[in-house]
Amino acid sequence: YPPVCLASHDSVILVACPDYQTVPITTWTGLSPLRLSVMALGLSFSGLLCNFVLMVGLRTQLPYLLLPWLVINSVLILVMFSAGSYLLIFFSMVKRNKTLC
């Protein structure tokens, strides 16, 4: 399809590929929706549990109860930093395509 241009008073909306389809996350991860949901719920539950242990540690003044929270958040920071660095490198090295579609 050629690009469609819709113009109003002082703005222009450019639709480059109107037949673009989204790809489900299960296609590019290779996981079933149930397995992906269980993994997401497991990670969320472990985060909530670590936060609860942190609150108990603060309340009872037991410093070793800080360790699970510290480990989970350190791992999350490293994973997010790595994913962000990968995406920055990937999208900065992609060749610019002269056509829109």
N, C-alpha and C. Protein backbone atom coordinates (compact mmCIF):
# COMPACT_ATOMS: atom_id res chain seq x y z
N TYR A 1 0.83 -1.19 0.00
CA TYR A 1 0.00 0.00 0.00
C TYR A 1 0.87 1.24 0.00
N PRO A 2 0.44 2.28 -0.70
CA PRO A 2 1.18 3.54 -0.61
C PRO A 2 0.85 4.22 0.72
N PRO A 3 1.74 5.07 1.22
CA PRO A 3 1.46 5.77 2.46
C PRO A 3 0.22 6.64 2.33
N VAL A 4 -0.56 6.68 3.38
CA VAL A 4 -1.79 7.48 3.40
C VAL A 4 -1.53 8.72 4.23
N CYS A 5 -1.86 9.86 3.73
CA CYS A 5 -1.63 11.10 4.43
C CYS A 5 -2.98 11.74 4.75
N LEU A 6 -3.25 11.96 6.00
CA LEU A 6 -4.47 12.64 6.43
C LEU A 6 -4.08 13.99 6.98
N ALA A 7 -4.58 15.04 6.39
CA ALA A 7 -4.18 16.38 6.82
C ALA A 7 -5.37 17.10 7.44
N SER A 8 -5.14 17.71 8.58
CA SER A 8 -6.10 18.62 9.17
C SER A 8 -5.43 19.98 9.25
N HIS A 9 -5.97 20.89 9.97
CA HIS A 9 -5.55 22.29 9.93
C HIS A 9 -4.04 22.49 9.93
N ASP A 10 -3.36 22.10 10.96
CA ASP A 10 -1.92 22.33 11.00
C ASP A 10 -1.13 21.08 11.35
N SER A 11 -1.77 19.91 11.29
CA SER A 11 -1.04 18.69 11.61
C SER A 11 -1.21 17.68 10.47
N VAL A 12 -0.25 16.80 10.35
CA VAL A 12 -0.28 15.76 9.33
C VAL A 12 -0.09 14.41 10.02
N ILE A 13 -0.93 13.46 9.70
CA ILE A 13 -0.81 12.10 10.22
C ILE A 13 -0.40 11.21 9.06
N LEU A 14 0.71 10.54 9.20
CA LEU A 14 1.23 9.67 8.15
C LEU A 14 1.07 8.22 8.59
N VAL A 15 0.32 7.45 7.83
CA VAL A 15 0.15 6.03 8.09
C VAL A 15 0.99 5.29 7.07
N ALA A 16 2.08 4.66 7.54
CA ALA A 16 3.03 4.06 6.61
C ALA A 16 2.58 2.69 6.12
N CYS A 17 2.16 1.83 7.00
CA CYS A 17 1.78 0.47 6.62
C CYS A 17 0.45 0.12 7.27
N PRO A 18 -0.66 0.38 6.63
CA PRO A 18 -1.95 0.12 7.28
C PRO A 18 -2.26 -1.35 7.47
N ASP A 19 -1.57 -2.26 6.76
CA ASP A 19 -1.85 -3.68 6.93
C ASP A 19 -0.90 -4.35 7.92
N TYR A 20 -0.21 -3.57 8.72
CA TYR A 20 0.73 -4.10 9.70
C TYR A 20 -0.02 -4.91 10.75
N GLN A 21 0.50 -6.09 11.07
CA GLN A 21 -0.12 -6.96 12.07
C GLN A 21 0.83 -7.13 13.24
N THR A 22 0.29 -7.16 14.44
CA THR A 22 1.12 -7.38 15.61
C THR A 22 1.43 -8.87 15.73
N VAL A 23 2.59 -9.15 16.27
CA VAL A 23 3.02 -10.53 16.47
C VAL A 23 2.87 -10.85 17.95
N PRO A 24 2.12 -11.91 18.29
CA PRO A 24 1.95 -12.25 19.70
C PRO A 24 3.28 -12.62 20.35
N ILE A 25 3.40 -12.34 21.64
CA ILE A 25 4.64 -12.61 22.35
C ILE A 25 4.95 -14.11 22.38
N THR A 26 3.91 -14.94 22.32
CA THR A 26 4.14 -16.38 22.35
C THR A 26 4.82 -16.88 21.08
N THR A 27 4.71 -16.13 19.99
CA THR A 27 5.34 -16.54 18.74
C THR A 27 6.85 -16.39 18.82
N TRP A 28 7.34 -15.26 19.33
CA TRP A 28 8.78 -15.06 19.33
C TRP A 28 9.46 -15.54 20.59
N THR A 29 8.72 -15.93 21.64
CA THR A 29 9.36 -16.55 22.80
C THR A 29 9.34 -18.06 22.72
N GLY A 30 8.39 -18.62 21.98
CA GLY A 30 8.28 -20.06 21.87
C GLY A 30 7.59 -20.70 23.06
N LEU A 31 7.00 -19.89 23.93
CA LEU A 31 6.32 -20.41 25.11
C LEU A 31 4.81 -20.39 24.91
N SER A 32 4.13 -21.32 25.55
CA SER A 32 2.67 -21.32 25.48
C SER A 32 2.15 -20.19 26.38
N PRO A 33 0.94 -19.69 26.11
CA PRO A 33 0.40 -18.61 26.94
C PRO A 33 0.29 -18.99 28.41
N LEU A 34 -0.05 -20.25 28.69
CA LEU A 34 -0.16 -20.68 30.08
C LEU A 34 1.20 -20.65 30.78
N ARG A 35 2.22 -21.17 30.11
CA ARG A 35 3.56 -21.19 30.70
C ARG A 35 4.08 -19.76 30.91
N LEU A 36 3.82 -18.89 29.97
CA LEU A 36 4.25 -17.50 30.09
C LEU A 36 3.53 -16.81 31.25
N SER A 37 2.24 -17.09 31.41
CA SER A 37 1.48 -16.50 32.51
C SER A 37 1.96 -17.01 33.86
N VAL A 38 2.25 -18.31 33.94
CA VAL A 38 2.73 -18.88 35.21
C VAL A 38 4.10 -18.29 35.57
N MET A 39 4.96 -18.10 34.57
CA MET A 39 6.26 -17.50 34.83
C MET A 39 6.12 -16.06 35.32
N ALA A 40 5.24 -15.29 34.68
CA ALA A 40 5.04 -13.90 35.10
C ALA A 40 4.46 -13.83 36.51
N LEU A 41 3.49 -14.69 36.81
CA LEU A 41 2.92 -14.70 38.16
C LEU A 41 3.95 -15.16 39.20
N GLY A 42 4.78 -16.11 38.84
CA GLY A 42 5.83 -16.57 39.76
C GLY A 42 6.83 -15.47 40.08
N LEU A 43 7.24 -14.74 39.04
CA LEU A 43 8.17 -13.63 39.28
C LEU A 43 7.52 -12.53 40.12
N SER A 44 6.27 -12.24 39.85
CA SER A 44 5.56 -11.22 40.63
C SER A 44 5.41 -11.65 42.08
N PHE A 45 5.07 -12.91 42.28
CA PHE A 45 4.90 -13.41 43.64
C PHE A 45 6.21 -13.39 44.41
N SER A 46 7.32 -13.76 43.74
CA SER A 46 8.61 -13.73 44.43
C SER A 46 9.00 -12.30 44.79
N GLY A 47 8.68 -11.33 43.95
CA GLY A 47 8.93 -9.93 44.28
C GLY A 47 8.11 -9.47 45.47
N LEU A 48 6.83 -9.85 45.49
CA LEU A 48 5.98 -9.49 46.63
C LEU A 48 6.47 -10.15 47.91
N LEU A 49 6.87 -11.40 47.82
CA LEU A 49 7.37 -12.12 48.99
C LEU A 49 8.64 -11.46 49.53
N CYS A 50 9.54 -11.07 48.64
CA CYS A 50 10.78 -10.40 49.07
C CYS A 50 10.48 -9.06 49.72
N ASN A 51 9.51 -8.33 49.18
CA ASN A 51 9.13 -7.06 49.81
C ASN A 51 8.51 -7.27 51.17
N PHE A 52 7.73 -8.34 51.31
CA PHE A 52 7.14 -8.67 52.61
C PHE A 52 8.23 -9.03 53.62
N VAL A 53 9.21 -9.83 53.19
CA VAL A 53 10.33 -10.20 54.07
C VAL A 53 11.12 -8.95 54.46
N LEU A 54 11.29 -8.02 53.53
CA LEU A 54 11.98 -6.76 53.84
C LEU A 54 11.22 -5.99 54.91
N MET A 55 9.90 -5.90 54.80
CA MET A 55 9.10 -5.18 55.80
C MET A 55 9.19 -5.85 57.17
N VAL A 56 9.18 -7.18 57.17
CA VAL A 56 9.32 -7.91 58.44
C VAL A 56 10.70 -7.65 59.04
N GLY A 57 11.72 -7.64 58.20
CA GLY A 57 13.08 -7.36 58.67
C GLY A 57 13.22 -5.96 59.23
N LEU A 58 12.56 -4.99 58.62
CA LEU A 58 12.60 -3.62 59.15
C LEU A 58 11.85 -3.52 60.48
N ARG A 59 10.75 -4.23 60.55
CA ARG A 59 9.92 -4.18 61.77
C ARG A 59 10.62 -4.86 62.95
N THR A 60 11.27 -6.01 62.68
CA THR A 60 11.94 -6.75 63.75
C THR A 60 13.40 -6.38 63.91
N GLN A 61 13.91 -5.50 63.07
CA GLN A 61 15.30 -5.03 63.07
C GLN A 61 16.30 -6.19 62.89
N LEU A 62 15.97 -7.10 61.96
CA LEU A 62 16.88 -8.18 61.60
C LEU A 62 17.48 -7.85 60.23
N PRO A 63 18.75 -7.45 60.22
CA PRO A 63 19.33 -6.98 58.95
C PRO A 63 19.49 -8.06 57.88
N TYR A 64 19.61 -9.33 58.25
CA TYR A 64 19.80 -10.38 57.24
C TYR A 64 18.55 -10.62 56.41
N LEU A 65 17.39 -10.11 56.84
CA LEU A 65 16.18 -10.24 56.02
C LEU A 65 16.16 -9.24 54.86
N LEU A 66 17.17 -8.37 54.81
CA LEU A 66 17.32 -7.46 53.68
C LEU A 66 17.91 -8.19 52.46
N LEU A 67 18.62 -9.28 52.67
CA LEU A 67 19.34 -9.97 51.58
C LEU A 67 18.45 -10.45 50.43
N PRO A 68 17.29 -11.11 50.68
CA PRO A 68 16.48 -11.53 49.52
C PRO A 68 16.03 -10.36 48.66
N TRP A 69 15.63 -9.27 49.28
CA TRP A 69 15.21 -8.08 48.54
C TRP A 69 16.37 -7.51 47.74
N LEU A 70 17.54 -7.47 48.37
CA LEU A 70 18.73 -6.93 47.72
C LEU A 70 19.12 -7.78 46.50
N VAL A 71 19.06 -9.09 46.64
CA VAL A 71 19.43 -9.98 45.53
C VAL A 71 18.44 -9.85 44.38
N ILE A 72 17.14 -9.90 44.67
CA ILE A 72 16.12 -9.80 43.61
C ILE A 72 16.24 -8.47 42.87
N ASN A 73 16.38 -7.38 43.59
CA ASN A 73 16.45 -6.08 42.92
C ASN A 73 17.76 -5.89 42.17
N SER A 74 18.85 -6.44 42.68
CA SER A 74 20.12 -6.37 41.95
C SER A 74 20.05 -7.14 40.64
N VAL A 75 19.45 -8.32 40.68
CA VAL A 75 19.29 -9.12 39.46
C VAL A 75 18.38 -8.39 38.47
N LEU A 76 17.28 -7.81 38.96
CA LEU A 76 16.39 -7.06 38.07
C LEU A 76 17.09 -5.87 37.42
N ILE A 77 17.90 -5.17 38.20
CA ILE A 77 18.64 -4.02 37.65
C ILE A 77 19.61 -4.47 36.57
N LEU A 78 20.33 -5.56 36.82
CA LEU A 78 21.28 -6.06 35.82
C LEU A 78 20.58 -6.53 34.55
N VAL A 79 19.44 -7.22 34.71
CA VAL A 79 18.69 -7.70 33.54
C VAL A 79 18.15 -6.52 32.73
N MET A 80 17.57 -5.53 33.41
CA MET A 80 17.02 -4.38 32.69
C MET A 80 18.12 -3.57 32.01
N PHE A 81 19.27 -3.40 32.68
CA PHE A 81 20.38 -2.68 32.06
C PHE A 81 20.91 -3.44 30.84
N SER A 82 21.01 -4.77 30.96
CA SER A 82 21.49 -5.57 29.82
C SER A 82 20.51 -5.50 28.65
N ALA A 83 19.22 -5.62 28.95
CA ALA A 83 18.21 -5.56 27.88
C ALA A 83 18.21 -4.18 27.22
N GLY A 84 18.32 -3.13 28.01
CA GLY A 84 18.38 -1.78 27.45
C GLY A 84 19.61 -1.56 26.59
N SER A 85 20.75 -2.07 27.04
CA SER A 85 21.98 -1.94 26.25
C SER A 85 21.86 -2.71 24.94
N TYR A 86 21.29 -3.92 25.01
CA TYR A 86 21.11 -4.71 23.80
C TYR A 86 20.20 -3.97 22.81
N LEU A 87 19.08 -3.44 23.29
CA LEU A 87 18.16 -2.73 22.40
C LEU A 87 18.80 -1.47 21.83
N LEU A 88 19.59 -0.76 22.62
CA LEU A 88 20.29 0.43 22.14
C LEU A 88 21.25 0.07 21.01
N ILE A 89 22.03 -0.98 21.21
CA ILE A 89 22.97 -1.40 20.18
C ILE A 89 22.24 -1.93 18.95
N PHE A 90 21.19 -2.72 19.17
CA PHE A 90 20.46 -3.30 18.04
C PHE A 90 19.83 -2.22 17.17
N PHE A 91 19.13 -1.27 17.79
CA PHE A 91 18.45 -0.25 17.00
C PHE A 91 19.38 0.83 16.47
N SER A 92 20.57 0.99 17.05
CA SER A 92 21.50 1.97 16.48
C SER A 92 22.28 1.37 15.31
N MET A 93 22.32 0.04 15.20
CA MET A 93 23.04 -0.59 14.10
C MET A 93 22.14 -1.01 12.95
N VAL A 94 20.83 -0.85 13.11
CA VAL A 94 19.91 -1.21 12.04
C VAL A 94 20.09 -0.22 10.89
N LYS A 95 20.21 -0.74 9.69
CA LYS A 95 20.37 0.15 8.53
C LYS A 95 19.07 0.89 8.27
N ARG A 96 19.20 2.12 7.92
CA ARG A 96 18.02 2.93 7.60
C ARG A 96 17.46 2.47 6.26
N ASN A 97 16.17 2.19 6.27
CA ASN A 97 15.48 1.74 5.06
C ASN A 97 14.88 2.96 4.38
N LYS A 98 15.12 3.14 3.11
CA LYS A 98 14.65 4.32 2.41
C LYS A 98 13.15 4.24 2.11
N THR A 99 12.61 3.04 1.99
CA THR A 99 11.18 2.92 1.75
C THR A 99 10.44 2.81 3.07
N LEU A 100 9.17 3.14 3.04
CA LEU A 100 8.38 3.13 4.27
C LEU A 100 7.92 1.74 4.65
N CYS A 101 7.63 0.89 3.69
CA CYS A 101 7.12 -0.46 3.98
C CYS A 101 8.10 -1.51 3.53
